[in-house]
Amino acid sequence: MSIATEPETLGELIADCALIPSSLVTETPAVPPQAARPWTVDDTCQAQVAEYDAYI
């Protein structure tokens, strides 16, 4: 891989990222995941599968 080309493999990407100067890398705290909204079935969802005998 050349510095002038895009990495083509995960290994090349990791090697490419290792070349980033530490002065350009900032450490930010990880954002905690948000709680998922409860899943509900509305009339539109029900209508999509109304003719099926089983949900697959």
Protein backbone atom coordinates (compact mmCIF):
# COMPACT_ATOMS: atom_id res chain seq x y z
CA MET A 1 0.00 0.00 0.00
CA SER A 2 1.20 3.47 -0.85
CA ILE A 3 0.36 6.51 1.28
CA ALA A 4 -1.15 8.04 -1.87
CA THR A 5 -3.71 5.22 -2.32
CA GLU A 6 -6.72 4.09 -0.37
CA PRO A 7 -6.29 0.98 1.80
CA GLU A 8 -7.82 -2.13 0.25
CA THR A 9 -7.76 -4.46 3.25
CA LEU A 10 -8.49 -4.15 6.94
CA GLY A 11 -4.80 -4.69 7.67
CA GLU A 12 -3.85 -1.82 5.36
CA LEU A 13 -6.47 0.41 7.00
CA ILE A 14 -5.10 -0.35 10.47
CA ALA A 15 -1.55 0.31 9.29
CA ASP A 16 -2.70 3.54 7.65
CA CYS A 17 -4.40 4.69 10.85
CA ALA A 18 -1.22 3.95 12.81
CA LEU A 19 0.47 6.68 10.76
CA ILE A 20 -1.85 9.41 12.13
CA PRO A 21 0.19 11.71 14.39
CA SER A 22 -0.89 11.59 18.03
CA SER A 23 -1.30 15.38 17.99
CA LEU A 24 -4.26 14.90 15.64
CA VAL A 25 -5.93 12.20 17.70
CA THR A 26 -8.31 13.39 20.41
CA GLU A 27 -9.58 11.26 23.21
CA THR A 28 -13.29 11.72 23.70
CA PRO A 29 -15.37 9.75 26.16
CA ALA A 30 -17.57 7.09 24.65
CA VAL A 31 -21.21 8.03 24.36
CA PRO A 32 -23.35 5.63 26.39
CA PRO A 33 -25.95 3.79 24.32
CA GLN A 34 -29.51 5.06 24.52
CA ALA A 35 -32.27 2.76 25.66
CA ALA A 36 -34.20 1.30 22.77
CA ARG A 37 -37.78 2.37 22.35
CA PRO A 38 -40.30 -0.37 23.05
CA TRP A 39 -41.31 -2.21 19.90
CA THR A 40 -44.98 -2.10 19.02
CA VAL A 41 -47.13 -3.45 16.22
CA ASP A 42 -49.52 -0.97 14.66
CA ASP A 43 -52.26 -1.54 12.10
CA THR A 44 -49.85 -0.92 9.21
CA CYS A 45 -47.45 -3.63 10.44
CA GLN A 46 -50.32 -6.02 11.05
CA ALA A 47 -51.71 -5.43 7.54
CA GLN A 48 -48.37 -6.39 5.96
CA VAL A 49 -48.58 -9.92 7.36
CA ALA A 50 -52.33 -10.39 7.70
CA GLU A 51 -52.46 -13.03 4.95
CA TYR A 52 -49.55 -15.12 6.26
CA ASP A 53 -50.20 -18.15 8.46
CA ALA A 54 -46.97 -17.64 10.39
CA TYR A 55 -44.48 -14.85 10.89
CA ILE A 56 -41.14 -15.80 9.41
